[in-house]
Structure formats: structure tokens, C-alpha cells
């Protein structure tokens, strides 16, 4: 349903230039579905969505002659933005959760070591039912990590974490089960390999790109997150449905965000 991007109101006056004017706040806005944002034919778009769902990178899909490589890349970027937008619409986790962070390198020669300045830090939170949320983080501040965990979980949660000092402030937010990286988990406790398994899944999907651009890293991560959270489903109808429901106005901030 069409709605104002500022106040969320669904009723608007159509304007002569094709835009809409919100009846509540007066904001003028455009409403173009993501599916209609590309000038490709419907048949070619269906084929490209099928290639995307199967995990075919844009530089390989170019051999099918459906569009030029830049056009295919732009279309895939729209799909990634839709999936990233969809994965943000989740309530804070309230069951026991597993927290961990990892790094991803840019698509350029990378320095080695955890202090390399061309790597992106990503926080991951996994609920016991298998759902995951991830957050790209600028810098390596433990304050940012803790703020994200507190924002997306509820007070009193049980946290499964490793013994990094960055997670120490979580003690005042809920109960903790700490796993030493050398000593392993306490006896009788589940370890945090569940979230680490998601990192392996993510790096497997991103391996063909040999690093992703920092400016669009959140889109690639959103894509992998959607794939993981819907790994037991056929993604093709879900992706088509989202592209024909979500507007370009809703995903514009995602397309330009850099953190």
C-alpha cells in the first residue's frame, strides 16, 4: 500500500507531475515500485531474479545477453536493497541469544591482522530459533557493539558470548554464559558455534566477489541474511513479491548508506 515516507499516512492527493501529496503532513513524494524502477522487459527481469536467487553473480549473468553488465549490477543492487530493507523489520530478540562479531575485507588489496583499516566489523546476533540479525559497525568501539546488542534485545536476556572484553558491559543487561576461546564452553552449556556457522555461511556466499565495496557492504550482508533466515524456502516467489510491494522511496536510504 502506498504511504508517506515521513508520517506513514496512506491517503494522498495525486499531483499533475505524477507525484503524491500527503493529506496529513503535506509532503510531496513519488511512489514507484522497485519492480517498475528498471526499464528492462518483464521477461528479462524474471530471468535476472531467477539468476540472483540461484546465486549467479552479475559478471557471470552478462553472458546471457539479457542486459549490459552495469544494468545487471544495478538491478541486482535493487534486489539486495529490498532484501536488506525486509530484514530490518524484526522485533528485538527476547529469547537466549548468541553474540559474536567478525570482519570482512574490501575488494582491494587488504592489510593483515585485526587492526587493518580496510576491513568492516560486523556484529551478529542469533536467536535460539535460528533467526539472525547483523549490523555493520564503523570502527572497533566496544560501546557501539553494546549499544546495538541492547537496542535489538530485551532486558533480562540470556547472552551466550565469548570472553572478549567488549562484551563485559552486557552483565548489567542480562545473564551471561561466557565461553573462553581457549578453555571452551562451561560444562553442560551450548556453545556459540551457531552464530559462527552463520559467519561461515556468509563468507561462502561472498567468496565469488573477492571482497565487496564498502559503500554497498550492507546490501550484500542483507542479501545473505535474507538467504539464511529463509534457507528452507524457495526464494524466487518471495523476492518477486517484495519487489512488487516495496517502493524505491523506501529503499533509497539503504542504497546510499555507508554504515
C-alpha atoms as a PDB file:
ATOM      1  CA  UNK A   1       0.000   0.000   0.000  1.00  0.00           C
ATOM      2  CA  UNK A   2       1.249   3.493  -0.845  1.00  0.00           C
ATOM      3  CA  UNK A   3       2.107   5.639   2.172  1.00  0.00           C
ATOM      4  CA  UNK A   4       4.024   8.808   3.023  1.00  0.00           C
ATOM      5  CA  UNK A   5       7.701   8.177   3.777  1.00  0.00           C
ATOM      6  CA  UNK A   6       7.631  10.822   6.555  1.00  0.00           C
ATOM      7  CA  UNK A   7       4.467  10.183   8.573  1.00  0.00           C
ATOM      8  CA  UNK A   8       3.347   6.844   7.148  1.00  0.00           C
ATOM      9  CA  UNK A   9      -0.144   8.107   6.224  1.00  0.00           C
ATOM     10  CA  UNK A  10      -1.696   6.200   3.317  1.00  0.00           C
ATOM     11  CA  UNK A  11      -4.036   8.839   1.876  1.00  0.00           C
ATOM     12  CA  UNK A  12      -2.668  11.405  -0.573  1.00  0.00           C
ATOM     13  CA  UNK A  13      -3.683  13.724  -3.416  1.00  0.00           C
ATOM     14  CA  UNK A  14      -2.268  12.845  -6.865  1.00  0.00           C
ATOM     15  CA  UNK A  15      -0.381  15.750  -8.447  1.00  0.00           C
ATOM     16  CA  UNK A  16      -0.090  16.680 -12.117  1.00  0.00           C
ATOM     17  CA  UNK A  17       3.611  15.806 -12.248  1.00  0.00           C
ATOM     18  CA  UNK A  18       2.965  12.203 -11.157  1.00  0.00           C
ATOM     19  CA  UNK A  19       3.889  12.710  -7.515  1.00  0.00           C
ATOM     20  CA  UNK A  20       1.619  12.498  -4.476  1.00  0.00           C
ATOM     21  CA  UNK A  21       0.928  14.990  -1.676  1.00  0.00           C
ATOM     22  CA  UNK A  22       0.287  13.531   1.762  1.00  0.00           C
ATOM     23  CA  UNK A  23      -3.062  14.625   3.207  1.00  0.00           C
ATOM     24  CA  UNK A  24      -1.667  14.651   6.744  1.00  0.00           C
ATOM     25  CA  UNK A  25       1.755  16.323   6.589  1.00  0.00           C
ATOM     26  CA  UNK A  26       1.723  17.786   3.074  1.00  0.00           C
ATOM     27  CA  UNK A  27       4.931  16.106   1.943  1.00  0.00           C
ATOM     28  CA  UNK A  28       5.270  15.567  -1.803  1.00  0.00           C
ATOM     29  CA  UNK A  29       6.691  12.186  -2.715  1.00  0.00           C
ATOM     30  CA  UNK A  30       6.983   9.732  -5.579  1.00  0.00           C
ATOM     31  CA  UNK A  31       5.810   6.140  -5.354  1.00  0.00           C
ATOM     32  CA  UNK A  32       7.444   3.766  -7.809  1.00  0.00           C
ATOM     33  CA  UNK A  33       7.644   0.080  -7.028  1.00  0.00           C
ATOM     34  CA  UNK A  34      11.105  -1.435  -7.208  1.00  0.00           C
ATOM     35  CA  UNK A  35       9.870  -3.833  -9.885  1.00  0.00           C
ATOM     36  CA  UNK A  36       8.941  -0.867 -12.123  1.00  0.00           C
ATOM     37  CA  UNK A  37      12.138   1.086 -11.435  1.00  0.00           C
ATOM     38  CA  UNK A  38      14.060  -0.799 -14.145  1.00  0.00           C
ATOM     39  CA  UNK A  39      13.330  -0.370 -17.863  1.00  0.00           C
ATOM     40  CA  UNK A  40      14.133  -3.993 -18.624  1.00  0.00           C
ATOM     41  CA  UNK A  41      11.346  -6.137 -20.015  1.00  0.00           C
ATOM     42  CA  UNK A  42       9.322  -8.186 -17.549  1.00  0.00           C
ATOM     43  CA  UNK A  43      10.666 -11.414 -19.062  1.00  0.00           C
ATOM     44  CA  UNK A  44      14.298 -10.330 -18.632  1.00  0.00           C
ATOM     45  CA  UNK A  45      13.635  -9.157 -15.084  1.00  0.00           C
ATOM     46  CA  UNK A  46      12.135 -12.517 -14.189  1.00  0.00           C
ATOM     47  CA  UNK A  47      15.200 -14.278 -15.620  1.00  0.00           C
ATOM     48  CA  UNK A  48      17.582 -11.989 -13.715  1.00  0.00           C
ATOM     49  CA  UNK A  49      15.704 -12.542 -10.449  1.00  0.00           C
ATOM     50  CA  UNK A  50      15.976 -16.281 -11.070  1.00  0.00           C
ATOM     51  CA  UNK A  51      19.753 -15.959 -11.621  1.00  0.00           C
ATOM     52  CA  UNK A  52      20.047 -13.851  -8.473  1.00  0.00           C
ATOM     53  CA  UNK A  53      18.162 -16.398  -6.361  1.00  0.00           C
ATOM     54  CA  UNK A  54      20.445 -19.151  -7.675  1.00  0.00           C
ATOM     55  CA  UNK A  55      23.491 -17.117  -6.608  1.00  0.00           C
ATOM     56  CA  UNK A  56      24.810 -16.218 -10.075  1.00  0.00           C
ATOM     57  CA  UNK A  57      27.000 -13.072  -9.802  1.00  0.00           C
ATOM     58  CA  UNK A  58      26.299 -10.232 -12.233  1.00  0.00           C
ATOM     59  CA  UNK A  59      29.637 -10.713 -14.011  1.00  0.00           C
ATOM     60  CA  UNK A  60      28.558 -14.255 -14.925  1.00  0.00           C
ATOM     61  CA  UNK A  61      24.960 -13.371 -15.839  1.00  0.00           C
ATOM     62  CA  UNK A  62      26.244 -10.956 -18.504  1.00  0.00           C
ATOM     63  CA  UNK A  63      26.933 -13.881 -20.855  1.00  0.00           C
ATOM     64  CA  UNK A  64      23.187 -14.479 -21.290  1.00  0.00           C
ATOM     65  CA  UNK A  65      22.736 -11.209 -23.185  1.00  0.00           C
ATOM     66  CA  UNK A  66      19.803 -10.006 -21.073  1.00  0.00           C
ATOM     67  CA  UNK A  67      21.359  -6.581 -20.424  1.00  0.00           C
ATOM     68  CA  UNK A  68      24.698  -4.829 -20.138  1.00  0.00           C
ATOM     69  CA  UNK A  69      26.866  -5.677 -17.090  1.00  0.00           C
ATOM     70  CA  UNK A  70      26.264  -2.267 -15.393  1.00  0.00           C
ATOM     71  CA  UNK A  71      22.499  -2.658 -15.881  1.00  0.00           C
ATOM     72  CA  UNK A  72      22.537  -6.152 -14.401  1.00  0.00           C
ATOM     73  CA  UNK A  73      24.604  -4.930 -11.451  1.00  0.00           C
ATOM     74  CA  UNK A  74      22.169  -2.052 -10.806  1.00  0.00           C
ATOM     75  CA  UNK A  75      19.220  -4.456 -10.952  1.00  0.00           C
ATOM     76  CA  UNK A  76      20.896  -6.860  -8.529  1.00  0.00           C
ATOM     77  CA  UNK A  77      21.628  -3.906  -6.247  1.00  0.00           C
ATOM     78  CA  UNK A  78      17.906  -3.063  -6.171  1.00  0.00           C
ATOM     79  CA  UNK A  79      17.131  -6.647  -5.158  1.00  0.00           C
ATOM     80  CA  UNK A  80      19.748  -6.527  -2.393  1.00  0.00           C
ATOM     81  CA  UNK A  81      18.301  -3.249  -1.105  1.00  0.00           C
ATOM     82  CA  UNK A  82      14.821  -4.813  -0.962  1.00  0.00           C
ATOM     83  CA  UNK A  83      16.118  -7.804   0.992  1.00  0.00           C
ATOM     84  CA  UNK A  84      18.120  -5.573   3.369  1.00  0.00           C
ATOM     85  CA  UNK A  85      15.012  -3.450   3.932  1.00  0.00           C
ATOM     86  CA  UNK A  86      12.939  -6.542   4.672  1.00  0.00           C
ATOM     87  CA  UNK A  87      15.431  -7.933   7.183  1.00  0.00           C
ATOM     88  CA  UNK A  88      15.351  -4.740   9.261  1.00  0.00           C
ATOM     89  CA  UNK A  89      11.659  -5.224  10.025  1.00  0.00           C
ATOM     90  CA  UNK A  90      12.051  -7.559  13.000  1.00  0.00           C
ATOM     91  CA  UNK A  91      11.227  -7.167  16.650  1.00  0.00           C
ATOM     92  CA  UNK A  92      14.031  -7.200  19.257  1.00  0.00           C
ATOM     93  CA  UNK A  93      15.072 -10.731  20.216  1.00  0.00           C
ATOM     94  CA  UNK A  94      13.775 -11.809  23.611  1.00  0.00           C
ATOM     95  CA  UNK A  95      14.946 -15.434  23.907  1.00  0.00           C
ATOM     96  CA  UNK A  96      18.500 -16.549  24.731  1.00  0.00           C
ATOM     97  CA  UNK A  97      20.776 -15.123  22.033  1.00  0.00           C
ATOM     98  CA  UNK A  98      24.322 -15.766  20.823  1.00  0.00           C
ATOM     99  CA  UNK A  99      26.527 -12.746  20.087  1.00  0.00           C
ATOM    100  CA  UNK A 100      29.723 -12.601  18.076  1.00  0.00           C
ATOM    101  CA  UNK A 101      31.486 -10.301  15.626  1.00  0.00           C
ATOM    102  CA  UNK A 102      33.718 -10.835  12.609  1.00  0.00           C
ATOM    103  CA  UNK A 103      35.448  -8.875   9.832  1.00  0.00           C
ATOM    104  CA  UNK A 104      35.052  -8.688   6.054  1.00  0.00           C
ATOM    105  CA  UNK A 105      37.621  -7.225   3.692  1.00  0.00           C
ATOM    106  CA  UNK A 106      37.032  -4.711   0.909  1.00  0.00           C
ATOM    107  CA  UNK A 107      37.551  -5.538  -2.769  1.00  0.00           C
ATOM    108  CA  UNK A 108      41.099  -4.194  -2.783  1.00  0.00           C
ATOM    109  CA  UNK A 109      44.478  -5.448  -1.512  1.00  0.00           C
ATOM    110  CA  UNK A 110      43.892  -5.962   2.196  1.00  0.00           C
ATOM    111  CA  UNK A 111      46.212  -5.472   5.134  1.00  0.00           C
ATOM    112  CA  UNK A 112      46.532  -8.372   7.504  1.00  0.00           C
ATOM    113  CA  UNK A 113      45.554  -8.597  11.130  1.00  0.00           C
ATOM    114  CA  UNK A 114      42.568  -7.485  13.228  1.00  0.00           C
ATOM    115  CA  UNK A 115      43.680  -3.841  13.156  1.00  0.00           C
ATOM    116  CA  UNK A 116      43.637  -3.488   9.375  1.00  0.00           C
ATOM    117  CA  UNK A 117      41.793  -0.280   8.479  1.00  0.00           C
ATOM    118  CA  UNK A 118      40.227  -1.613   5.266  1.00  0.00           C
ATOM    119  CA  UNK A 119      38.083  -4.252   6.970  1.00  0.00           C
ATOM    120  CA  UNK A 120      34.467  -3.940   8.040  1.00  0.00           C
ATOM    121  CA  UNK A 121      33.433  -5.064  11.529  1.00  0.00           C
ATOM    122  CA  UNK A 122      30.049  -6.825  11.587  1.00  0.00           C
ATOM    123  CA  UNK A 123      28.108  -7.735  14.752  1.00  0.00           C
ATOM    124  CA  UNK A 124      25.880 -10.810  14.572  1.00  0.00           C
ATOM    125  CA  UNK A 125      23.075 -11.828  16.945  1.00  0.00           C
ATOM    126  CA  UNK A 126      21.435 -15.236  16.578  1.00  0.00           C
ATOM    127  CA  UNK A 127      18.309 -16.350  18.387  1.00  0.00           C
ATOM    128  CA  UNK A 128      17.775 -19.930  19.511  1.00  0.00           C
ATOM    129  CA  UNK A 129      15.162 -20.473  16.788  1.00  0.00           C
ATOM    130  CA  UNK A 130      17.801 -19.792  14.116  1.00  0.00           C
ATOM    131  CA  UNK A 131      16.951 -16.202  13.135  1.00  0.00           C
ATOM    132  CA  UNK A 132      19.933 -13.872  12.747  1.00  0.00           C
ATOM    133  CA  UNK A 133      20.427 -10.106  12.669  1.00  0.00           C
ATOM    134  CA  UNK A 134      23.642  -8.436  11.568  1.00  0.00           C
ATOM    135  CA  UNK A 135      24.929  -4.873  11.834  1.00  0.00           C
ATOM    136  CA  UNK A 136      27.921  -3.312  10.022  1.00  0.00           C
ATOM    137  CA  UNK A 137      29.843  -1.202  12.551  1.00  0.00           C
ATOM    138  CA  UNK A 138      32.183   1.687  11.762  1.00  0.00           C
ATOM    139  CA  UNK A 139      35.349   1.466  13.815  1.00  0.00           C
ATOM    140  CA  UNK A 140      36.050  -1.003  16.600  1.00  0.00           C
ATOM    141  CA  UNK A 141      34.435   0.734  19.557  1.00  0.00           C
ATOM    142  CA  UNK A 142      33.005  -1.693  22.124  1.00  0.00           C
ATOM    143  CA  UNK A 143      30.446   0.999  23.021  1.00  0.00           C
ATOM    144  CA  UNK A 144      28.860   0.714  19.577  1.00  0.00           C
ATOM    145  CA  UNK A 145      28.678  -3.065  19.835  1.00  0.00           C
ATOM    146  CA  UNK A 146      26.993  -2.960  23.248  1.00  0.00           C
ATOM    147  CA  UNK A 147      24.533  -0.260  22.141  1.00  0.00           C
ATOM    148  CA  UNK A 148      23.460  -2.411  19.189  1.00  0.00           C
ATOM    149  CA  UNK A 149      23.015  -5.502  21.352  1.00  0.00           C
ATOM    150  CA  UNK A 150      20.938  -3.573  23.885  1.00  0.00           C
ATOM    151  CA  UNK A 151      18.811  -1.966  21.158  1.00  0.00           C
ATOM    152  CA  UNK A 152      17.927  -5.242  19.467  1.00  0.00           C
ATOM    153  CA  UNK A 153      17.432  -7.473  22.508  1.00  0.00           C
ATOM    154  CA  UNK A 154      15.274  -7.105  25.584  1.00  0.00           C
ATOM    155  CA  UNK A 155      16.463  -6.595  29.188  1.00  0.00           C
ATOM    156  CA  UNK A 156      16.915  -9.823  31.113  1.00  0.00           C
ATOM    157  CA  UNK A 157      18.012 -11.902  28.110  1.00  0.00           C
ATOM    158  CA  UNK A 158      20.471 -14.734  28.448  1.00  0.00           C
ATOM    159  CA  UNK A 159      23.564 -13.990  26.341  1.00  0.00           C
ATOM    160  CA  UNK A 160      25.940 -16.609  25.012  1.00  0.00           C
ATOM    161  CA  UNK A 161      29.172 -14.715  24.337  1.00  0.00           C
ATOM    162  CA  UNK A 162      32.892 -15.309  24.121  1.00  0.00           C
ATOM    163  CA  UNK A 163      35.405 -13.831  26.545  1.00  0.00           C
ATOM    164  CA  UNK A 164      36.167 -10.648  24.594  1.00  0.00           C
ATOM    165  CA  UNK A 165      36.343  -7.628  26.883  1.00  0.00           C
ATOM    166  CA  UNK A 166      33.972  -5.738  24.549  1.00  0.00           C
ATOM    167  CA  UNK A 167      31.002  -7.787  25.820  1.00  0.00           C
ATOM    168  CA  UNK A 168      31.685  -7.234  29.540  1.00  0.00           C
ATOM    169  CA  UNK A 169      29.081  -4.396  29.936  1.00  0.00           C
ATOM    170  CA  UNK A 170      26.303  -6.838  28.994  1.00  0.00           C
ATOM    171  CA  UNK A 171      26.443  -8.130  32.593  1.00  0.00           C
ATOM    172  CA  UNK A 172      24.119  -5.301  33.669  1.00  0.00           C
ATOM    173  CA  UNK A 173      21.672  -6.010  30.820  1.00  0.00           C
ATOM    174  CA  UNK A 174      21.063  -9.717  31.407  1.00  0.00           C
ATOM    175  CA  UNK A 175      22.589 -13.050  32.357  1.00  0.00           C
ATOM    176  CA  UNK A 176      25.722 -14.259  30.585  1.00  0.00           C
ATOM    177  CA  UNK A 177      27.235 -17.577  29.633  1.00  0.00           C
ATOM    178  CA  UNK A 178      30.852 -16.883  28.720  1.00  0.00           C
ATOM    179  CA  UNK A 179      32.916 -19.219  26.546  1.00  0.00           C
ATOM    180  CA  UNK A 180      36.671 -18.986  26.725  1.00  0.00           C
ATOM    181  CA  UNK A 181      38.337 -19.035  23.321  1.00  0.00           C
ATOM    182  CA  UNK A 182      40.938 -21.386  24.758  1.00  0.00           C
ATOM    183  CA  UNK A 183      39.071 -23.218  27.525  1.00  0.00           C
ATOM    184  CA  UNK A 184      35.811 -23.705  25.610  1.00  0.00           C
ATOM    185  CA  UNK A 185      32.235 -23.633  26.977  1.00  0.00           C
ATOM    186  CA  UNK A 186      31.260 -24.339  30.577  1.00  0.00           C
ATOM    187  CA  UNK A 187      30.200 -27.920  31.165  1.00  0.00           C
ATOM    188  CA  UNK A 188      26.610 -28.608  30.174  1.00  0.00           C
ATOM    189  CA  UNK A 189      26.250 -25.400  28.122  1.00  0.00           C
ATOM    190  CA  UNK A 190      25.655 -24.948  24.405  1.00  0.00           C
ATOM    191  CA  UNK A 191      28.475 -23.120  22.645  1.00  0.00           C
ATOM    192  CA  UNK A 192      28.282 -20.190  20.232  1.00  0.00           C
ATOM    193  CA  UNK A 193      29.174 -22.146  17.119  1.00  0.00           C
ATOM    194  CA  UNK A 194      25.637 -21.422  15.858  1.00  0.00           C
ATOM    195  CA  UNK A 195      26.475 -17.786  15.100  1.00  0.00           C
ATOM    196  CA  UNK A 196      29.938 -18.761  13.920  1.00  0.00           C
ATOM    197  CA  UNK A 197      28.248 -21.120  11.475  1.00  0.00           C
ATOM    198  CA  UNK A 198      26.405 -18.110  10.072  1.00  0.00           C
ATOM    199  CA  UNK A 199      29.732 -16.307   9.524  1.00  0.00           C
ATOM    200  CA  UNK A 200      30.950 -19.311   7.528  1.00  0.00           C
ATOM    201  CA  UNK A 201      27.718 -19.270   5.526  1.00  0.00           C
ATOM    202  CA  UNK A 202      28.148 -15.541   4.813  1.00  0.00           C
ATOM    203  CA  UNK A 203      31.759 -15.807   3.711  1.00  0.00           C
ATOM    204  CA  UNK A 204      30.852 -18.739   1.475  1.00  0.00           C
ATOM    205  CA  UNK A 205      28.235 -16.649  -0.357  1.00  0.00           C
ATOM    206  CA  UNK A 206      30.517 -13.609  -0.653  1.00  0.00           C
ATOM    207  CA  UNK A 207      33.602 -15.551  -1.757  1.00  0.00           C
ATOM    208  CA  UNK A 208      32.880 -15.257  -5.542  1.00  0.00           C
ATOM    209  CA  UNK A 209      33.033 -11.448  -5.269  1.00  0.00           C
ATOM    210  CA  UNK A 210      36.589 -11.452  -3.810  1.00  0.00           C
ATOM    211  CA  UNK A 211      35.564  -8.662  -1.433  1.00  0.00           C
ATOM    212  CA  UNK A 212      32.619  -6.257  -1.664  1.00  0.00           C
ATOM    213  CA  UNK A 213      32.565  -2.416  -1.912  1.00  0.00           C
ATOM    214  CA  UNK A 214      32.308  -0.742   1.479  1.00  0.00           C
ATOM    215  CA  UNK A 215      29.585   1.606   0.204  1.00  0.00           C
ATOM    216  CA  UNK A 216      27.315  -1.368  -0.569  1.00  0.00           C
ATOM    217  CA  UNK A 217      28.548  -3.865   2.028  1.00  0.00           C
ATOM    218  CA  UNK A 218      25.287  -3.563   3.993  1.00  0.00           C
ATOM    219  CA  UNK A 219      23.336  -4.624   0.883  1.00  0.00           C
ATOM    220  CA  UNK A 220      25.418  -7.758   0.355  1.00  0.00           C
ATOM    221  CA  UNK A 221      25.089  -8.594   4.051  1.00  0.00           C
ATOM    222  CA  UNK A 222      21.334  -8.002   3.885  1.00  0.00           C
ATOM    223  CA  UNK A 223      21.118 -10.400   0.953  1.00  0.00           C
ATOM    224  CA  UNK A 224      22.980 -13.152   2.794  1.00  0.00           C
ATOM    225  CA  UNK A 225      20.931 -12.551   5.932  1.00  0.00           C
ATOM    226  CA  UNK A 226      17.691 -12.961   3.966  1.00  0.00           C
ATOM    227  CA  UNK A 227      19.008 -16.145   2.358  1.00  0.00           C
ATOM    228  CA  UNK A 228      19.973 -17.561   5.745  1.00  0.00           C
ATOM    229  CA  UNK A 229      16.737 -16.676   7.524  1.00  0.00           C
ATOM    230  CA  UNK A 230      14.729 -18.199   4.637  1.00  0.00           C
ATOM    231  CA  UNK A 231      17.107 -21.050   3.839  1.00  0.00           C
ATOM    232  CA  UNK A 232      14.332 -23.665   3.875  1.00  0.00           C
ATOM    233  CA  UNK A 233      12.140 -21.795   1.371  1.00  0.00           C
ATOM    234  CA  UNK A 234      12.045 -21.193  -2.379  1.00  0.00           C
ATOM    235  CA  UNK A 235      13.262 -17.586  -2.557  1.00  0.00           C
ATOM    236  CA  UNK A 236      12.011 -16.780  -6.059  1.00  0.00           C
ATOM    237  CA  UNK A 237       8.339 -16.046  -5.202  1.00  0.00           C
ATOM    238  CA  UNK A 238       9.368 -14.212  -2.017  1.00  0.00           C
ATOM    239  CA  UNK A 239      11.789 -11.907  -3.859  1.00  0.00           C
ATOM    240  CA  UNK A 240       9.281 -11.187  -6.641  1.00  0.00           C
ATOM    241  CA  UNK A 241       6.583 -10.388  -4.081  1.00  0.00           C
ATOM    242  CA  UNK A 242       8.843  -7.956  -2.210  1.00  0.00           C
ATOM    243  CA  UNK A 243       9.929  -6.174  -5.403  1.00  0.00           C
ATOM    244  CA  UNK A 244       6.287  -5.657  -6.362  1.00  0.00           C
ATOM    245  CA  UNK A 245       5.365  -4.393  -2.886  1.00  0.00           C
ATOM    246  CA  UNK A 246       8.243  -2.145  -1.779  1.00  0.00           C
ATOM    247  CA  UNK A 247       8.766   1.300  -3.281  1.00  0.00           C
ATOM    248  CA  UNK A 248      12.032   2.912  -4.366  1.00  0.00           C
ATOM    249  CA  UNK A 249      11.370   5.705  -1.844  1.00  0.00           C
ATOM    250  CA  UNK A 250      11.645   3.169   0.985  1.00  0.00           C
ATOM    251  CA  UNK A 251      14.968   1.691  -0.140  1.00  0.00           C
ATOM    252  CA  UNK A 252      16.669   4.953  -1.209  1.00  0.00           C
ATOM    253  CA  UNK A 253      18.330   5.456   2.217  1.00  0.00           C
ATOM    254  CA  UNK A 254      19.702   1.905   2.028  1.00  0.00           C
ATOM    255  CA  UNK A 255      21.195   2.490  -1.419  1.00  0.00           C
ATOM    256  CA  UNK A 256      23.320   5.402  -0.210  1.00  0.00           C
ATOM    257  CA  UNK A 257      24.015   4.438   3.412  1.00  0.00           C
ATOM    258  CA  UNK A 258      27.633   3.742   4.227  1.00  0.00           C
ATOM    259  CA  UNK A 259      27.412   2.260   7.741  1.00  0.00           C
END
